[in-house]
Amino acid sequence: HAITKEVTTLINQTYITADTLVVFLHQLKEQYTTTPIFIVLDNARYQHCDLVIKTAQSLYITLLFLPPYSPNLNIIERLWKFTKNEILYGKYYDCPQKFHETIKTFFKTVNLNYQTDLHSLLTLNFQFFDEENALNYAA
């Protein structure tokens, strides 16, 4: 949640597909029944398919697509980096089950254990360049 910094997850152990995203859209609608939902997405193909778009429309969820090649505008990228720092780097898991359990535990408790970190990481402050300054730095 871009304002409250609450993290909502849907965890799977396979590839993310359009069907996975549809399940997540339904989960969000159940969680936020009376709140308008806007989801910022990158440009993965499965996010642009008719199934996802029609499901979002039927649930009154607005999909906002980022411009191509703009991960700096996607606050979830900051959460992924933080997650990797906390549970992946410098750690060894001797079996996939321990790794999966660590991820599940992290996301179940992230809203409680890392509130301060989330509020500083997941800000809506983005650096934009106006046309005049962009021209000054053009090659």
Protein backbone atom coordinates (compact mmCIF):
# COMPACT_ATOMS: atom_id res chain seq x y z
CA HIS A 1 0.00 0.00 0.00
CA ALA A 2 1.73 3.15 -1.19
CA ILE A 3 0.37 5.30 1.64
CA THR A 4 0.17 3.00 4.69
CA LYS A 5 3.16 0.86 3.60
CA GLU A 6 1.19 -2.29 4.40
CA VAL A 7 2.57 -5.19 2.39
CA THR A 8 0.08 -7.69 0.95
CA THR A 9 1.46 -10.88 -0.53
CA LEU A 10 0.49 -13.87 -2.57
CA ILE A 11 3.26 -16.43 -2.36
CA ASN A 12 3.76 -19.18 -4.88
CA GLN A 13 6.66 -21.43 -5.81
CA THR A 14 6.29 -21.33 -9.58
CA TYR A 15 6.29 -18.72 -12.29
CA ILE A 16 4.00 -15.74 -12.05
CA THR A 17 1.37 -15.85 -14.77
CA ALA A 18 -1.81 -14.01 -15.68
CA ASP A 19 -3.74 -16.55 -13.60
CA THR A 20 -1.55 -15.77 -10.59
CA LEU A 21 -2.22 -12.07 -11.00
CA VAL A 22 -5.98 -12.69 -11.29
CA VAL A 23 -5.93 -14.58 -7.98
CA PHE A 24 -4.03 -11.66 -6.44
CA LEU A 25 -6.56 -9.14 -7.78
CA HIS A 26 -9.37 -11.10 -6.14
CA GLN A 27 -7.38 -11.26 -2.89
CA LEU A 28 -6.89 -7.49 -2.93
CA LYS A 29 -10.57 -6.87 -3.60
CA GLU A 30 -11.50 -9.09 -0.62
CA GLN A 31 -9.03 -7.22 1.59
CA TYR A 32 -10.02 -3.72 0.45
CA THR A 33 -13.72 -4.13 -0.21
CA THR A 34 -14.72 -0.47 0.05
CA THR A 35 -11.43 1.24 -0.82
CA PRO A 36 -10.59 2.22 -4.40
CA ILE A 37 -7.69 0.10 -5.62
CA PHE A 38 -5.01 1.36 -7.99
CA ILE A 39 -2.18 -1.03 -8.86
CA VAL A 40 1.04 0.18 -10.44
CA LEU A 41 2.48 -2.44 -12.77
CA ASP A 42 5.55 -2.76 -14.91
CA ASN A 43 5.28 -4.08 -18.44
CA ALA A 44 5.42 -7.84 -18.02
CA ARG A 45 3.35 -9.44 -20.80
CA TYR A 46 1.07 -11.36 -18.47
CA GLN A 47 -0.03 -8.06 -16.88
CA HIS A 48 -1.30 -6.70 -20.20
CA CYS A 49 -3.39 -9.68 -21.28
CA ASP A 50 -7.16 -9.51 -21.69
CA LEU A 51 -7.78 -11.85 -18.75
CA VAL A 52 -6.00 -9.53 -16.30
CA ILE A 53 -7.45 -6.33 -17.75
CA LYS A 54 -11.02 -7.66 -17.83
CA THR A 55 -10.74 -9.11 -14.32
CA ALA A 56 -9.46 -5.79 -12.98
CA GLN A 57 -12.31 -3.95 -14.70
CA SER A 58 -14.90 -6.36 -13.28
CA LEU A 59 -13.48 -5.82 -9.78
CA TYR A 60 -13.27 -2.04 -10.25
CA ILE A 61 -9.49 -2.11 -9.88
CA THR A 62 -7.52 0.45 -11.86
CA LEU A 63 -4.31 -0.75 -13.46
CA LEU A 64 -1.62 1.88 -13.98
CA PHE A 65 1.25 0.82 -16.24
CA LEU A 66 4.69 2.35 -15.82
CA PRO A 67 6.59 3.56 -18.85
CA PRO A 68 8.99 0.94 -20.25
CA TYR A 69 12.39 0.67 -18.56
CA SER A 70 11.48 2.70 -15.48
CA PRO A 71 12.11 0.50 -12.42
CA ASN A 72 13.02 3.68 -10.50
CA LEU A 73 9.31 4.59 -10.53
CA ASN A 74 8.22 1.26 -9.08
CA ILE A 75 8.40 1.30 -5.27
CA ILE A 76 8.13 -2.50 -5.17
CA GLU A 77 11.67 -2.64 -6.56
CA ARG A 78 12.86 -0.97 -3.34
CA LEU A 79 11.01 -3.58 -1.28
CA TRP A 80 12.63 -6.40 -3.30
CA LYS A 81 16.09 -4.93 -2.72
CA PHE A 82 15.39 -4.60 1.02
CA THR A 83 14.05 -8.17 1.14
CA LYS A 84 17.16 -9.54 -0.58
CA ASN A 85 19.39 -7.65 1.85
CA GLU A 86 17.52 -9.05 4.86
CA ILE A 87 17.03 -12.69 3.87
CA LEU A 88 19.37 -13.54 1.01
CA TYR A 89 22.73 -11.79 1.11
CA GLY A 90 25.28 -13.42 3.38
CA LYS A 91 22.89 -16.23 4.27
CA TYR A 92 23.01 -19.94 3.44
CA TYR A 93 19.95 -22.18 3.28
CA ASP A 94 20.73 -25.86 3.08
CA CYS A 95 17.41 -26.74 1.47
CA PRO A 96 14.73 -24.93 -0.54
CA GLN A 97 12.14 -25.45 2.20
CA LYS A 98 14.16 -23.37 4.69
CA PHE A 99 14.56 -20.61 2.11
CA HIS A 100 10.82 -20.63 1.31
CA GLU A 101 9.91 -20.61 4.99
CA THR A 102 12.24 -17.66 5.61
CA ILE A 103 10.57 -15.69 2.82
CA LYS A 104 7.08 -16.51 4.12
CA THR A 105 8.03 -15.51 7.67
CA PHE A 106 9.66 -12.31 6.47
CA PHE A 107 6.56 -11.17 4.61
CA LYS A 108 4.18 -12.25 7.38
CA THR A 109 6.08 -10.02 9.82
CA VAL A 110 7.45 -7.26 7.59
CA ASN A 111 4.65 -4.85 8.54
CA LEU A 112 5.44 -5.28 12.25
CA ASN A 113 9.20 -5.76 12.35
CA TYR A 114 10.30 -3.28 9.69
CA GLN A 115 7.79 -0.43 9.91
CA THR A 116 10.44 2.29 10.14
CA ASP A 117 12.40 0.83 7.23
CA LEU A 118 9.29 0.56 5.08
CA HIS A 119 8.29 4.17 5.73
CA SER A 120 11.71 5.42 4.66
CA LEU A 121 12.13 3.06 1.69
CA LEU A 122 8.68 3.12 0.17
CA THR A 123 8.30 6.83 -0.33
CA LEU A 124 6.54 8.44 -3.24
CA ASN A 125 9.41 10.86 -3.84
CA PHE A 126 10.63 10.42 -7.38
CA GLN A 127 13.20 12.38 -9.28
CA PHE A 128 11.86 13.85 -12.48
CA PHE A 129 13.75 15.98 -14.93
CA ASP A 130 12.09 18.90 -16.60
CA GLU A 131 12.72 19.39 -20.29
CA GLU A 132 15.15 22.28 -19.80
CA ASN A 133 17.41 20.33 -17.40
CA ALA A 134 17.14 17.17 -19.50
CA LEU A 135 18.46 19.05 -22.52
CA ASN A 136 21.43 20.32 -20.49
CA TYR A 137 22.50 16.71 -19.83
CA ALA A 138 21.71 15.30 -23.28
CA ALA A 139 24.67 13.71 -25.04
